[in-house]
Protein backbone atom coordinates (compact mmCIF):
# COMPACT_ATOMS: atom_id res chain seq x y z
CA ALA A 1 17.11 22.79 0.82
CA PHE A 2 17.56 24.09 -2.76
CA SER A 3 17.26 21.89 -5.66
CA LEU A 4 20.18 23.93 -7.18
CA PHE A 5 23.35 25.55 -5.73
CA VAL A 6 22.51 29.08 -4.90
CA LYS A 7 25.33 31.44 -4.61
CA ALA A 8 23.89 33.42 -1.81
CA LYS A 9 25.68 34.08 1.25
CA GLU A 10 24.36 33.45 4.73
CA VAL A 11 25.03 36.02 7.33
CA PRO A 12 24.69 36.60 11.06
CA ALA A 13 21.21 37.23 12.27
CA ALA A 14 22.19 40.25 14.21
CA SER A 15 24.56 41.94 11.22
CA ARG A 16 23.27 45.11 9.74
CA CYS A 17 24.29 45.51 6.22
CA PRO A 18 23.10 48.25 3.26
CA GLY A 19 19.83 47.27 2.16
CA GLY A 20 19.07 44.76 4.79
CA GLY A 21 19.11 45.26 8.73
CA GLU A 22 19.07 43.53 11.84
CA GLY A 23 17.81 40.06 11.38
CA VAL A 24 18.62 39.72 7.58
CA ARG A 25 19.93 35.95 6.85
CA TRP A 26 20.08 35.77 3.19
CA ARG A 27 21.46 38.21 0.74
CA CYS A 28 21.58 37.70 -3.03
CA CYS A 29 21.85 40.05 -5.73
CA ARG A 30 22.11 42.76 -3.50
CA GLN A 31 18.90 42.05 -2.13
CA ALA A 32 18.44 41.05 1.53
CA PHE A 33 16.40 38.47 2.95
CA GLU A 34 15.18 37.90 6.32
CA GLU A 35 12.74 34.86 5.99
CA LEU A 36 13.55 31.73 4.12
CA PRO A 37 10.21 31.75 1.62
CA GLY A 38 11.75 35.32 0.91
CA ILE A 39 15.04 33.50 -0.65
CA HIS A 40 13.23 30.69 -2.35
CA ARG A 41 10.99 32.99 -4.22
CA HIS A 42 14.01 35.08 -5.32
CA VAL A 43 15.97 31.93 -6.36
CA ALA A 44 12.63 30.79 -8.27
CA LEU A 45 12.20 33.79 -10.14
CA HIS A 46 15.61 34.64 -11.00
CA HIS A 47 17.82 31.48 -11.04
CA SER A 48 15.50 28.95 -12.44
CA GLY A 49 17.94 28.41 -15.48
CA ASP A 50 20.48 26.97 -13.22
CA VAL A 51 18.19 24.03 -11.69
CA GLY A 52 20.67 20.84 -12.07
CA ARG A 53 23.90 22.72 -12.81
CA GLN A 54 26.91 21.77 -10.89
CA ALA A 55 28.28 23.54 -8.01
CA GLY A 56 30.41 26.75 -9.32
CA LEU A 57 27.99 27.17 -12.21
CA GLY A 58 25.09 28.93 -9.94
CA ALA A 59 22.70 31.56 -9.84
CA GLY A 60 24.71 34.81 -10.03
CA PRO A 61 26.91 37.09 -7.88
CA ALA A 62 27.22 36.18 -4.38
CA GLU A 63 27.41 39.18 -1.78
CA ALA A 64 28.24 39.68 1.95
CA GLY A 65 31.55 38.17 1.84
CA GLY A 66 31.45 37.12 -1.93
CA SER A 67 32.88 38.34 -5.18
CA PRO A 68 31.93 42.27 -6.23
CA ALA A 69 28.60 42.38 -7.87
CA GLY A 70 28.87 40.82 -11.38
CA GLY A 71 31.89 38.54 -10.81
CA PRO A 72 32.11 34.62 -10.10
CA ALA A 73 31.38 33.85 -6.44
CA PRO A 74 34.74 32.03 -5.04
CA ALA A 75 34.54 28.09 -4.79
CA GLY A 76 32.96 27.17 -1.61
CA SER A 77 30.81 30.12 -1.11
CA GLU A 78 27.51 28.20 -1.66
CA ALA A 79 25.23 28.46 1.29
CA ARG A 80 21.86 26.36 1.91
CA PRO A 81 19.43 27.04 4.42
CA SER A 82 20.00 25.65 7.59
CA GLY A 83 17.96 22.78 8.99
CA HIS A 84 17.23 21.29 5.79
CA SER A 85 18.46 18.32 3.86
CA CYS A 86 20.57 19.03 0.81
CA SER A 87 20.03 15.80 -1.03
CA ASN A 88 16.44 15.95 -1.35
CA PRO A 89 15.98 16.16 -5.22
CA GLU A 90 11.63 16.15 -4.93
CA ILE A 91 11.37 19.43 -5.63
CA SER A 92 12.47 21.36 -8.90
CA TRP A 93 12.70 25.29 -9.06
CA ALA A 94 11.96 25.26 -12.56
CA LEU A 95 9.90 27.97 -14.05
CA PRO A 96 8.64 27.88 -17.64
CA ASP A 97 10.25 29.93 -20.26
CA THR A 98 7.86 32.65 -21.41
CA SER A 99 9.94 34.56 -23.41
CA HIS A 100 8.16 33.30 -26.64
CA VAL A 101 4.86 34.45 -25.40
CA SER A 102 3.59 38.01 -25.44
CA HIS A 103 2.43 39.83 -22.63
CA ASP A 104 -0.78 40.27 -23.80
CA ASP A 105 -1.30 36.38 -24.23
CA LEU A 106 -0.12 35.70 -20.90
CA THR A 107 -2.40 38.28 -19.15
CA SER A 108 -5.57 37.73 -21.65
CA GLN A 109 -8.77 38.26 -19.57
CA VAL A 110 -10.34 35.53 -21.60
CA GLY A 111 -9.01 32.33 -20.07
CA GLU A 112 -9.88 29.18 -17.74
CA VAL A 113 -9.92 28.64 -13.94
CA LEU A 114 -8.21 25.05 -13.28
CA LEU A 115 -8.98 22.94 -10.28
CA TYR A 116 -7.00 19.94 -9.11
CA TYR A 117 -5.43 18.32 -6.36
CA CYS A 118 -2.55 15.87 -5.88
CA TYR A 119 -1.99 13.73 -2.41
CA CYS A 120 1.66 12.61 -2.05
CA GLU A 121 3.99 12.63 0.69
CA VAL A 122 5.81 16.43 0.76
CA LYS A 123 8.91 16.19 2.84
CA ASP A 124 9.38 19.98 2.72
CA PRO A 125 6.04 22.10 2.40
CA GLU A 126 7.69 25.36 2.83
CA LYS A 127 9.76 24.96 -0.20
CA LEU A 128 6.77 23.54 -2.45
CA CYS A 129 4.51 26.52 -1.22
CA ALA A 130 7.71 29.00 -2.12
CA TRP A 131 8.37 27.80 -5.73
CA GLN A 132 4.25 27.53 -6.18
CA LYS A 133 3.80 31.12 -5.39
CA ALA A 134 6.50 32.01 -7.53
CA LEU A 135 5.29 29.93 -10.40
CA CYS A 136 1.93 31.34 -10.22
CA GLN A 137 3.31 34.85 -10.16
CA HIS A 138 5.49 34.14 -13.05
CA LEU A 139 2.39 33.13 -14.93
CA HIS A 140 0.25 35.75 -13.65
CA LEU A 141 -1.98 33.55 -12.46
CA THR A 142 -4.35 34.11 -9.35
CA GLY A 143 -6.36 31.81 -6.90
CA LYS A 144 -5.69 29.83 -3.92
CA VAL A 145 -3.24 26.78 -3.36
CA ARG A 146 -3.05 24.89 -0.34
CA VAL A 147 0.30 22.93 0.57
CA ALA A 148 0.75 20.15 3.16
CA SER A 149 2.93 17.14 4.23
CA GLU A 150 0.17 15.43 2.47
CA GLY A 151 0.26 17.10 -0.96
CA ILE A 152 -1.25 20.15 -2.82
CA ASN A 153 -4.74 21.39 -3.78
CA GLY A 154 -5.33 24.25 -5.88
CA THR A 155 -7.55 26.32 -7.97
CA VAL A 156 -6.13 28.91 -10.02
CA GLY A 157 -7.13 31.48 -12.96
CA GLY A 158 -5.47 32.86 -15.67
CA SER A 159 -5.18 32.99 -19.45
CA LYS A 160 -5.37 30.25 -21.42
CA VAL A 161 -1.40 30.38 -22.33
CA ALA A 162 -0.84 30.49 -18.80
CA THR A 163 -2.75 27.63 -17.56
CA SER A 164 -1.48 25.33 -20.10
CA LEU A 165 2.12 26.27 -18.87
CA TYR A 166 1.26 25.89 -15.47
CA ILE A 167 -0.12 22.15 -16.36
CA LYS A 168 2.80 21.16 -18.02
CA VAL A 169 5.20 22.41 -15.18
CA MET A 170 3.08 20.93 -12.99
CA LEU A 171 3.00 17.55 -14.68
CA SER A 172 7.14 17.79 -15.07
CA GLN A 173 7.67 18.17 -11.39
CA PRO A 174 9.33 15.17 -10.23
CA LEU A 175 7.67 15.30 -6.98
CA PHE A 176 4.21 14.64 -8.84
CA LYS A 177 5.54 12.22 -11.40
CA ASN A 178 3.77 9.24 -11.84
CA ILE A 179 0.88 10.69 -9.63
CA LEU A 180 -0.74 13.43 -11.02
CA CYS A 181 -2.00 13.62 -14.63
CA GLN A 182 -3.19 15.45 -17.58
CA GLU A 183 -6.77 14.47 -16.71
CA ASP A 184 -6.55 15.33 -12.86
CA PHE A 185 -7.07 19.17 -13.99
CA LYS A 186 -10.49 20.01 -14.10
CA SER A 187 -10.80 23.18 -16.49
CA SER A 188 -13.97 25.60 -16.75
CA ALA A 189 -14.35 29.19 -18.73
CA GLY A 190 -13.01 32.16 -16.93
CA GLY A 191 -9.59 33.50 -15.75
CA ALA A 192 -7.70 35.57 -13.61
CA HIS A 193 -10.54 37.95 -12.57
CA CYS A 194 -12.34 35.16 -11.28
CA PHE A 195 -10.13 35.40 -7.85
CA PRO A 196 -9.41 38.74 -5.96
CA ASP A 197 -5.50 37.88 -5.34
CA LEU A 198 -3.47 34.96 -5.35
CA ARG A 199 -3.22 33.32 -2.07
CA VAL A 200 -0.40 30.15 -1.48
CA GLY A 201 -0.03 28.76 1.82
CA VAL A 202 1.30 25.92 4.12
CA PHE A 203 -1.81 23.97 5.91
CA LYS A 204 -1.97 20.97 8.23
CA GLU A 205 -4.44 19.42 5.49
CA ILE A 206 -4.88 20.36 1.91
CA VAL A 207 -8.79 20.30 2.55
CA PRO A 208 -9.98 21.44 6.02
CA MET A 209 -12.01 18.45 7.44
CA GLY A 210 -10.18 18.97 10.72
CA ILE A 211 -9.03 15.47 11.31
CA ASP A 212 -5.17 14.86 11.36
CA PRO A 213 -4.09 13.03 8.55
CA LYS A 214 -2.09 10.90 10.32
CA ILE A 215 -5.08 9.52 12.15
CA VAL A 216 -7.30 9.45 8.84
CA SER A 217 -5.31 9.01 6.08
CA TYR A 218 -6.11 9.64 2.26
CA LYS A 219 -4.31 6.34 1.64
CA GLU A 220 -7.61 4.44 3.30
CA THR A 221 -10.04 6.05 0.78
CA GLY A 222 -12.89 4.39 -0.86
CA ILE A 223 -12.95 2.82 -4.49
CA HIS A 224 -12.68 5.21 -7.17
CA LEU A 225 -15.45 4.91 -10.16
CA SER A 226 -15.01 6.73 -13.42
CA PRO A 227 -17.75 9.23 -14.70
CA GLN A 228 -19.19 6.37 -16.52
CA GLU A 229 -19.04 3.48 -13.79
CA PHE A 230 -20.65 6.22 -11.35
CA HIS A 231 -23.61 7.24 -13.87
CA ARG A 232 -23.99 3.26 -13.95
CA GLU A 233 -24.29 3.09 -10.29
CA VAL A 234 -26.53 5.98 -10.09
CA GLU A 235 -28.85 4.69 -12.49
CA GLN A 236 -29.25 1.30 -10.94
CA TYR A 237 -29.79 3.10 -7.38
CA LEU A 238 -32.53 5.44 -8.78
CA SER A 239 -34.13 2.42 -10.81
CA GLN A 240 -34.02 -0.01 -7.54
CA ALA A 241 -35.12 2.94 -5.23
CA SER A 242 -38.09 3.60 -7.39
CA GLN A 243 -39.03 -0.05 -6.55
CA GLY A 244 -38.14 0.28 -2.67
CA GLN A 245 -35.20 -2.31 -3.20
CA SER A 246 -32.18 0.04 -2.91
CA ASP A 247 -29.59 -0.90 -0.37
CA THR A 248 -27.58 2.09 -1.12
CA ILE A 249 -27.02 5.71 -0.36
CA LEU A 250 -26.24 8.50 -2.62
CA LEU A 251 -24.25 11.07 -0.42
CA ASP A 252 -23.49 14.50 -1.50
CA CYS A 253 -20.34 15.47 0.86
CA ARG A 254 -20.29 19.17 -0.03
CA ASN A 255 -22.10 22.07 2.14
CA PHE A 256 -25.49 22.65 2.12
CA TYR A 257 -25.33 25.99 -0.01
CA GLU A 258 -23.59 24.09 -2.52
CA SER A 259 -25.94 21.25 -3.12
CA LYS A 260 -28.85 23.57 -2.51
CA ILE A 261 -28.43 25.01 -6.36
CA GLY A 262 -27.33 21.52 -7.49
CA HIS A 263 -27.11 18.04 -7.08
CA PHE A 264 -27.54 14.32 -8.01
CA GLN A 265 -31.19 12.89 -8.11
CA GLY A 266 -32.32 11.02 -5.25
CA CYS A 267 -28.90 12.27 -3.00
CA LEU A 268 -28.64 12.36 0.69
CA ALA A 269 -27.44 16.13 1.22
CA PRO A 270 -26.30 16.98 4.77
CA ASP A 271 -27.29 20.49 6.11
CA ILE A 272 -23.79 21.10 7.19
CA ARG A 273 -22.03 24.41 6.77
CA LYS A 274 -18.21 23.26 6.57
CA PHE A 275 -16.55 20.28 5.59
CA SER A 276 -14.87 20.20 8.86
CA TYR A 277 -18.35 19.31 10.22
CA PHE A 278 -18.54 16.07 8.08
CA PRO A 279 -16.97 13.84 10.56
CA SER A 280 -19.31 14.67 13.26
CA TYR A 281 -22.24 14.34 10.84
CA VAL A 282 -20.98 10.86 10.26
CA ASP A 283 -20.72 10.06 13.95
CA GLU A 284 -24.22 11.53 14.77
CA ASN A 285 -25.71 9.31 11.91
CA LEU A 286 -23.83 6.31 11.78
CA GLU A 287 -26.99 4.13 12.00
CA LEU A 288 -27.71 5.66 8.61
CA PHE A 289 -25.11 4.06 7.06
CA LYS A 290 -25.07 0.63 8.71
CA ASP A 291 -24.62 -2.27 5.92
CA LYS A 292 -25.23 0.46 3.18
CA ARG A 293 -23.56 0.83 -0.12
CA VAL A 294 -22.22 4.29 -0.26
CA LEU A 295 -21.85 6.31 -3.40
CA MET A 296 -19.98 9.91 -2.56
CA TYR A 297 -19.30 12.62 -4.71
CA CYS A 298 -18.21 16.40 -4.30
CA THR A 299 -17.17 19.03 -6.83
CA GLY A 300 -13.62 18.03 -7.57
CA GLY A 301 -12.92 14.74 -5.82
CA ILE A 302 -10.59 15.79 -2.99
CA ARG A 303 -13.53 15.98 -0.06
CA CYS A 304 -14.34 12.25 -1.03
CA GLU A 305 -10.62 11.18 -0.57
CA ARG A 306 -10.68 12.23 3.35
CA GLY A 307 -14.48 11.84 3.69
CA SER A 308 -14.71 8.07 2.25
CA ALA A 309 -11.38 7.29 4.54
CA TYR A 310 -13.28 8.64 7.75
CA LEU A 311 -16.45 6.82 6.80
CA ARG A 312 -14.72 3.68 6.16
CA SER A 313 -13.17 4.15 9.56
CA LYS A 314 -16.34 3.71 10.99
CA ALA A 315 -16.30 0.00 9.76
CA VAL A 316 -19.96 0.27 9.41
CA CYS A 317 -20.72 0.36 5.49
CA ARG A 318 -20.85 -2.50 3.16
CA GLU A 319 -18.69 -0.36 0.47
CA VAL A 320 -17.67 2.97 0.00
CA TYR A 321 -17.15 4.32 -3.43
CA GLN A 322 -16.34 7.73 -4.60
CA LEU A 323 -16.63 9.53 -7.95
CA LYS A 324 -13.33 10.18 -9.42
CA GLY A 325 -12.83 13.43 -10.36
CA GLY A 326 -15.96 14.81 -8.82
CA ILE A 327 -19.08 16.66 -10.38
CA HIS A 328 -16.49 18.52 -12.63
CA LYS A 329 -15.60 15.33 -14.60
CA TYR A 330 -18.84 13.85 -14.64
CA LEU A 331 -20.50 17.15 -15.98
CA GLU A 332 -17.74 16.78 -18.82
CA GLU A 333 -19.39 13.30 -19.78
CA PHE A 334 -22.81 13.92 -18.74
CA PRO A 335 -23.93 17.25 -19.01
CA ASP A 336 -27.75 16.19 -19.04
CA GLY A 337 -26.94 13.37 -17.15
CA PHE A 338 -28.32 12.78 -13.29
CA TYR A 339 -26.61 16.03 -11.89
CA ARG A 340 -29.14 18.50 -12.26
CA GLY A 341 -28.58 22.23 -11.84
CA LYS A 342 -25.58 24.59 -11.31
CA LEU A 343 -22.13 23.46 -9.88
CA PHE A 344 -21.11 25.44 -7.00
CA VAL A 345 -17.21 26.80 -7.57
CA PHE A 346 -15.11 28.62 -4.68
CA ASP A 347 -14.49 31.78 -6.67
CA ASP A 348 -16.29 35.09 -7.55
CA ARG A 349 -18.33 33.19 -10.37
CA TYR A 350 -20.11 30.97 -7.51
CA ALA A 351 -21.43 28.62 -9.94
CA ILE A 352 -21.01 27.30 -13.21
CA CYS A 353 -23.52 25.58 -15.82
CA SER A 354 -24.16 22.52 -17.60
CA ASN A 355 -27.78 22.30 -17.92
CA GLU A 356 -30.94 24.59 -17.84
CA ASP A 357 -32.39 23.03 -14.71
CA ILE A 358 -33.08 25.47 -11.78
CA ILE A 359 -33.82 23.87 -8.64
CA SER A 360 -33.34 26.34 -6.10
CA ALA A 361 -35.48 29.75 -5.28
CA CYS A 362 -35.36 33.22 -4.30
CA ARG A 363 -34.99 33.33 -0.43
CA TYR A 364 -37.60 36.15 -0.51
CA CYS A 365 -40.38 35.66 -2.90
CA GLY A 366 -39.89 31.89 -3.81
CA VAL A 367 -39.36 32.32 -7.83
CA LEU A 368 -37.07 29.93 -9.23
CA TRP A 369 -33.24 31.49 -9.09
CA ASP A 370 -29.73 30.02 -8.48
CA GLN A 371 -27.49 33.18 -8.66
CA TYR A 372 -25.74 33.25 -5.45
CA LYS A 373 -24.71 37.20 -3.87
CA LEU A 374 -23.01 37.91 -0.92
CA CYS A 375 -25.03 38.93 2.04
CA SER A 376 -25.31 43.10 1.88
CA SER A 377 -24.54 43.44 5.58
CA GLN A 378 -20.51 44.28 5.21
CA HIS A 379 -20.03 41.78 8.42
CA CYS A 380 -21.47 38.80 7.15
CA ARG A 381 -20.04 36.40 4.51
CA GLN A 382 -23.17 34.30 4.15
CA LEU A 383 -24.25 33.72 0.42
CA VAL A 384 -27.82 34.62 -0.40
CA LEU A 385 -30.25 33.59 -3.26
CA THR A 386 -32.18 36.77 -4.15
CA CYS A 387 -33.76 37.78 -7.42
CA PRO A 388 -33.42 40.96 -9.10
CA SER A 389 -36.79 41.79 -8.59
CA CYS A 390 -36.26 41.20 -4.62
CA CYS A 391 -32.93 43.01 -4.83
CA SER A 392 -34.37 46.31 -6.51
CA LYS A 393 -36.53 46.35 -3.25
CA GLY A 394 -33.65 46.34 -1.28
CA LEU A 395 -33.84 42.74 -0.04
CA THR A 396 -30.52 41.98 -0.29
CA ALA A 397 -29.42 40.25 3.22
CA CYS A 398 -29.28 36.52 4.01
CA CYS A 399 -31.77 37.41 7.07
CA PRO A 400 -33.88 39.91 8.77
CA VAL A 401 -31.07 40.33 11.48
CA CYS A 402 -28.61 41.10 8.48
CA GLN A 403 -31.03 43.09 7.03
CA GLU A 404 -31.64 45.36 9.97
CA LYS A 405 -28.16 45.47 10.65
CA GLU A 406 -27.24 46.86 7.54
CA LEU A 407 -29.81 49.62 7.66
CA LYS A 408 -28.36 50.72 10.70
CA VAL A 409 -24.73 50.95 9.52
CA THR A 410 -25.86 52.83 6.30
CA SER A 411 -27.72 55.17 8.51
CA ARG A 412 -24.76 56.15 10.70
CA ALA A 413 -22.29 58.76 9.75
CA SER A 414 -19.40 57.15 11.21
CA GLU A 415 -18.16 53.71 10.72
CA GLN A 416 -18.48 51.12 13.35
CA THR A 417 -17.84 47.87 13.89
CA LEU A 418 -20.67 45.47 14.66
CA LYS A 419 -20.15 41.91 16.32
CA GLU A 420 -21.53 39.61 13.48
CA GLU A 421 -25.16 37.80 14.61
CA CYS A 422 -26.36 35.80 11.54
CA GLU A 423 -30.05 34.49 11.94
CA CYS A 424 -28.96 32.05 9.41
CA THR A 425 -26.25 30.69 11.02
CA ARG A 426 -27.64 30.67 14.79
CA ARG A 427 -30.88 28.87 13.58
CA ARG A 428 -29.04 26.01 11.87
CA SER A 429 -27.83 22.85 13.58
CA ARG A 430 -24.15 22.53 13.49
CA VAL A 431 -24.63 18.92 12.95
CA PRO A 432 -27.96 17.72 11.74
CA ILE A 433 -29.00 14.08 12.96
CA GLU A 434 -31.06 12.55 9.92
CA ASN A 435 -34.46 11.35 10.71
CA VAL A 436 -35.10 9.39 7.82
CA SER A 437 -37.06 6.29 7.15
CA PRO A 438 -35.80 3.29 5.19
CA ARG A 439 -38.81 3.74 3.29
CA MET A 440 -37.59 7.23 2.23
CA LEU A 441 -34.47 6.21 1.54
CA ASP A 442 -35.43 3.53 -0.84
CA THR A 443 -37.22 5.90 -2.84
CA GLY A 444 -34.69 8.45 -2.96
CA LYS A 445 -36.25 11.33 -1.40
């Protein structure tokens, strides 16, 4: 349902009209729209000033049965998408006024990247998705936004003027009122260039754990700890572990390539490739968590919301805690704290730095190195740590299989699609079973 009364006219799906064609269902401003998201985006971009107005003061000329272009629509011509409630006030179509901002300021390459999420009940994810896409396009933002019935999860980049306006509008969105706040937005130096494009979509989960949100809900999450509280807990854990007295597990619930270049001291970092493997990892290692206090952390906090809920659902841990705001917020408070190395991010930067420690090594020569590149094989999406010296020797693939494949591809005159066979993936267990002695856990290894 529209949050404003749109003077767009619904026409029969089989009708033919200028600029439209068979299947067109909506027309407005001399444009034809076949899908609901299309008319949604149009309204958000061009008629946002009508939000909150009463019927009869709406978005502009109606067509296909309305008045001539430019004239007021006759009373009663307002149409709303079928199958939606028109009494849902949750989602506002408002877009920020950018008339006072220069185009250069709005599109400046010097900016930042925002990371945020908000768990809440969304009755119409499609509408939220359409508004979110219109908002990002309006502000020239790039990035990725996931929308679901359980909330929204986004990371977007743009100028500081654009990101500031984005935060302001998000906080004023009625759907997020009293849930999302300023401190929920994590920022780092970057901009629109950090992402190849803008991708906004509707999914079943806002973070892909692979478990139906109705079965394991974010409402059953662990106890949130502020960065200061988490810091004290880690400090106590490391002190007790050094004396062999700890009953705590410091759990990194990110993927192996993230923890490889940066993690908390003394953590347990599962060797998993995807967060959707995390539930299976817990299932296969339940004995490890029995009667333990678990301190969980991830990049921005969102994976801990569902991950801690899943761990709690197994009823084996004594207590489950999680770092509120994730590593991002912790590093703002403690850049030289117990987290060492780089923080992996899911954009073209791959990592951001808060301290000078390098804890990973070149895949080929073993020299300290923590700057990821994509495997040079065009059919592989694995990340590889290869230092400049090894790169200059042509060692740019993630494994020998990909290195050989790349040589074969570049030696061929004609392009040929090859099936991906990555040694890195084939040799790694999908779900590792930890063979960790109590003594090793106690010493934080």
